[in-house]
Amino acid sequence: MFLEARGHALLRHNYHVGFGEIDLITLAPDLTLHAVEVKRWAGAAPAVHPLESLTRLKLQRMARALEKFCQEISASGSDATVASLRSRCPAAFLEALQRGDTARSIDLVWVRESDECEWFEGVHV
């Protein structure tokens, strides 16, 4: 995966909540949590740049969904999915999450027809 080659750990893919969804949630080596929208266009170039597809509403929903994700993994409980996720996170990240002190970024990865990727980091924080 494109982001894994840059040191990111994939935490979730296709994360859905009632008000939004996130294609990928990754954790960077610097412990920044990334919500990633993935756009792929086949054939001719898109009529609009992929960044233009991220409306204010979409960005707000992604930010809310990322907040919900953070709440889920910081909550205590015995849910097997959450426990598995927490076991893959560095202790420093989990501690920062408990303090409400995690860096977050909303990004776009544009996958071109040639499978070449372009990463737009920090579209909305």
C-alpha atoms as a PDB file:
ATOM      1  CA  MET A   1       0.000   0.000   0.000  1.00  0.00           C
ATOM      2  CA  PHE A   2       1.150   3.506  -0.839  1.00  0.00           C
ATOM      3  CA  LEU A   3       0.997   4.901   2.707  1.00  0.00           C
ATOM      4  CA  GLU A   4       2.475   1.790   4.313  1.00  0.00           C
ATOM      5  CA  ALA A   5       5.552   2.324   2.116  1.00  0.00           C
ATOM      6  CA  ARG A   6       5.834   5.696   3.877  1.00  0.00           C
ATOM      7  CA  GLY A   7       5.759   4.105   7.322  1.00  0.00           C
ATOM      8  CA  HIS A   8       2.031   4.332   8.042  1.00  0.00           C
ATOM      9  CA  ALA A   9       0.259   1.527   9.882  1.00  0.00           C
ATOM     10  CA  LEU A  10      -3.202   0.719   8.553  1.00  0.00           C
ATOM     11  CA  LEU A  11      -5.623   0.739  11.474  1.00  0.00           C
ATOM     12  CA  ARG A  12      -8.972   0.500   9.660  1.00  0.00           C
ATOM     13  CA  HIS A  13     -10.381   0.522   6.173  1.00  0.00           C
ATOM     14  CA  ASN A  14     -13.942   1.379   5.161  1.00  0.00           C
ATOM     15  CA  TYR A  15     -14.794   2.745   8.591  1.00  0.00           C
ATOM     16  CA  HIS A  16     -18.515   3.609   8.685  1.00  0.00           C
ATOM     17  CA  VAL A  17     -20.577   5.485  11.230  1.00  0.00           C
ATOM     18  CA  GLY A  18     -24.102   6.818  10.817  1.00  0.00           C
ATOM     19  CA  PHE A  19     -23.004  10.246   9.617  1.00  0.00           C
ATOM     20  CA  GLY A  20     -19.951   9.428   7.512  1.00  0.00           C
ATOM     21  CA  GLU A  21     -17.250   7.065   6.401  1.00  0.00           C
ATOM     22  CA  ILE A  22     -13.497   7.007   6.009  1.00  0.00           C
ATOM     23  CA  ASP A  23     -11.742   4.901   3.376  1.00  0.00           C
ATOM     24  CA  LEU A  24      -8.534   4.395   5.392  1.00  0.00           C
ATOM     25  CA  ILE A  25      -7.408   5.280   8.892  1.00  0.00           C
ATOM     26  CA  THR A  26      -3.648   5.128   9.289  1.00  0.00           C
ATOM     27  CA  LEU A  27      -1.118   5.964  11.971  1.00  0.00           C
ATOM     28  CA  ALA A  28       2.059   7.724  10.829  1.00  0.00           C
ATOM     29  CA  PRO A  29       5.471   7.106  12.397  1.00  0.00           C
ATOM     30  CA  ASP A  30       5.169  10.493  14.169  1.00  0.00           C
ATOM     31  CA  LEU A  31       1.889   9.206  15.725  1.00  0.00           C
ATOM     32  CA  THR A  32      -0.346  11.473  13.635  1.00  0.00           C
ATOM     33  CA  LEU A  33      -3.687   9.825  12.933  1.00  0.00           C
ATOM     34  CA  HIS A  34      -4.719  10.122   9.272  1.00  0.00           C
ATOM     35  CA  ALA A  35      -8.225   9.832   7.829  1.00  0.00           C
ATOM     36  CA  VAL A  36      -7.729   9.154   4.131  1.00  0.00           C
ATOM     37  CA  GLU A  37     -10.173   9.530   1.260  1.00  0.00           C
ATOM     38  CA  VAL A  38      -9.068   7.460  -1.733  1.00  0.00           C
ATOM     39  CA  LYS A  39     -10.094   8.582  -5.213  1.00  0.00           C
ATOM     40  CA  ARG A  40      -9.406   6.581  -8.348  1.00  0.00           C
ATOM     41  CA  TRP A  41     -10.205   7.648 -11.863  1.00  0.00           C
ATOM     42  CA  ALA A  42      -9.953   5.302 -14.799  1.00  0.00           C
ATOM     43  CA  GLY A  43      -9.826   6.486 -18.366  1.00  0.00           C
ATOM     44  CA  ALA A  44      -9.682  10.156 -19.214  1.00  0.00           C
ATOM     45  CA  ALA A  45      -8.601  12.752 -16.709  1.00  0.00           C
ATOM     46  CA  PRO A  46     -11.360  13.716 -14.282  1.00  0.00           C
ATOM     47  CA  ALA A  47     -13.470  16.757 -15.110  1.00  0.00           C
ATOM     48  CA  VAL A  48     -12.505  18.252 -11.741  1.00  0.00           C
ATOM     49  CA  HIS A  49      -9.389  17.856  -9.655  1.00  0.00           C
ATOM     50  CA  PRO A  50      -9.872  15.171  -6.985  1.00  0.00           C
ATOM     51  CA  LEU A  51      -9.451  17.760  -4.236  1.00  0.00           C
ATOM     52  CA  GLU A  52     -12.577  19.478  -5.531  1.00  0.00           C
ATOM     53  CA  SER A  53     -14.528  16.299  -4.796  1.00  0.00           C
ATOM     54  CA  LEU A  54     -13.929  16.849  -1.083  1.00  0.00           C
ATOM     55  CA  THR A  55     -16.738  19.195  -0.200  1.00  0.00           C
ATOM     56  CA  ARG A  56     -16.895  21.061   3.092  1.00  0.00           C
ATOM     57  CA  LEU A  57     -19.657  18.672   4.192  1.00  0.00           C
ATOM     58  CA  LYS A  58     -17.564  15.603   3.292  1.00  0.00           C
ATOM     59  CA  LEU A  59     -14.585  16.984   5.232  1.00  0.00           C
ATOM     60  CA  GLN A  60     -16.779  17.749   8.255  1.00  0.00           C
ATOM     61  CA  ARG A  61     -18.211  14.242   8.183  1.00  0.00           C
ATOM     62  CA  MET A  62     -14.742  12.723   7.935  1.00  0.00           C
ATOM     63  CA  ALA A  63     -13.589  14.811  10.911  1.00  0.00           C
ATOM     64  CA  ARG A  64     -16.612  13.691  12.952  1.00  0.00           C
ATOM     65  CA  ALA A  65     -16.061  10.049  11.954  1.00  0.00           C
ATOM     66  CA  LEU A  66     -12.396  10.295  12.963  1.00  0.00           C
ATOM     67  CA  GLU A  67     -13.434  11.723  16.318  1.00  0.00           C
ATOM     68  CA  LYS A  68     -15.851   8.802  16.777  1.00  0.00           C
ATOM     69  CA  PHE A  69     -13.067   6.365  15.888  1.00  0.00           C
ATOM     70  CA  CYS A  70     -10.837   7.966  18.544  1.00  0.00           C
ATOM     71  CA  GLN A  71     -13.601   7.689  21.127  1.00  0.00           C
ATOM     72  CA  GLU A  72     -14.109   4.019  20.309  1.00  0.00           C
ATOM     73  CA  ILE A  73     -10.480   3.017  20.697  1.00  0.00           C
ATOM     74  CA  SER A  74      -9.908   5.116  23.807  1.00  0.00           C
ATOM     75  CA  ALA A  75     -12.983   3.724  25.610  1.00  0.00           C
ATOM     76  CA  SER A  76     -12.463   0.856  27.971  1.00  0.00           C
ATOM     77  CA  GLY A  77     -14.297  -2.311  27.159  1.00  0.00           C
ATOM     78  CA  SER A  78     -13.861  -5.837  25.978  1.00  0.00           C
ATOM     79  CA  ASP A  79     -14.939  -5.523  22.343  1.00  0.00           C
ATOM     80  CA  ALA A  80     -12.638  -7.895  20.416  1.00  0.00           C
ATOM     81  CA  THR A  81     -12.254  -5.565  17.418  1.00  0.00           C
ATOM     82  CA  VAL A  82     -11.263  -2.615  19.605  1.00  0.00           C
ATOM     83  CA  ALA A  83      -8.929  -4.777  21.684  1.00  0.00           C
ATOM     84  CA  SER A  84      -7.201  -6.009  18.533  1.00  0.00           C
ATOM     85  CA  LEU A  85      -6.878  -2.467  17.245  1.00  0.00           C
ATOM     86  CA  ARG A  86      -5.476  -1.182  20.541  1.00  0.00           C
ATOM     87  CA  SER A  87      -2.918  -3.996  20.599  1.00  0.00           C
ATOM     88  CA  ARG A  88      -1.494  -2.707  17.298  1.00  0.00           C
ATOM     89  CA  CYS A  89      -1.136   0.890  18.507  1.00  0.00           C
ATOM     90  CA  PRO A  90       2.007   2.183  20.207  1.00  0.00           C
ATOM     91  CA  ALA A  91       1.566   2.964  23.903  1.00  0.00           C
ATOM     92  CA  ALA A  92       2.577   6.597  23.311  1.00  0.00           C
ATOM     93  CA  PHE A  93      -0.288   7.001  20.852  1.00  0.00           C
ATOM     94  CA  LEU A  94      -2.833   5.452  23.228  1.00  0.00           C
ATOM     95  CA  GLU A  95      -1.607   7.684  26.047  1.00  0.00           C
ATOM     96  CA  ALA A  96      -1.911  10.783  23.843  1.00  0.00           C
ATOM     97  CA  LEU A  97      -5.384   9.648  22.831  1.00  0.00           C
ATOM     98  CA  GLN A  98      -6.426   9.385  26.476  1.00  0.00           C
ATOM     99  CA  ARG A  99      -5.161  12.931  27.070  1.00  0.00           C
ATOM    100  CA  GLY A 100      -7.019  14.174  23.972  1.00  0.00           C
ATOM    101  CA  ASP A 101      -3.672  15.187  22.539  1.00  0.00           C
ATOM    102  CA  THR A 102      -3.434  13.369  19.208  1.00  0.00           C
ATOM    103  CA  ALA A 103      -2.390  15.057  15.998  1.00  0.00           C
ATOM    104  CA  ARG A 104      -4.901  14.353  13.227  1.00  0.00           C
ATOM    105  CA  SER A 105      -4.925  14.904   9.510  1.00  0.00           C
ATOM    106  CA  ILE A 106      -7.523  14.462   6.799  1.00  0.00           C
ATOM    107  CA  ASP A 107      -5.897  13.483   3.539  1.00  0.00           C
ATOM    108  CA  LEU A 108      -6.655  12.525  -0.037  1.00  0.00           C
ATOM    109  CA  VAL A 109      -4.829   9.885  -2.033  1.00  0.00           C
ATOM    110  CA  TRP A 110      -5.458  10.119  -5.749  1.00  0.00           C
ATOM    111  CA  VAL A 111      -4.800   6.844  -7.568  1.00  0.00           C
ATOM    112  CA  ARG A 112      -4.264   7.500 -11.244  1.00  0.00           C
ATOM    113  CA  GLU A 113      -5.002   5.037 -14.017  1.00  0.00           C
ATOM    114  CA  SER A 114      -1.331   4.045 -14.092  1.00  0.00           C
ATOM    115  CA  ASP A 115      -1.603   3.177 -10.355  1.00  0.00           C
ATOM    116  CA  GLU A 116       0.645   6.140  -9.623  1.00  0.00           C
ATOM    117  CA  CYS A 117      -0.492   7.813  -6.406  1.00  0.00           C
ATOM    118  CA  GLU A 118      -0.504  11.420  -5.333  1.00  0.00           C
ATOM    119  CA  TRP A 119      -0.955  12.214  -1.655  1.00  0.00           C
ATOM    120  CA  PHE A 120      -2.551  15.446  -0.448  1.00  0.00           C
ATOM    121  CA  GLU A 121      -1.814  15.562   3.259  1.00  0.00           C
ATOM    122  CA  GLY A 122      -3.604  17.868   5.684  1.00  0.00           C
ATOM    123  CA  VAL A 123      -6.544  18.789   3.471  1.00  0.00           C
ATOM    124  CA  HIS A 124      -8.500  19.501   6.659  1.00  0.00           C
ATOM    125  CA  VAL A 125      -7.324  19.165  10.218  1.00  0.00           C
END
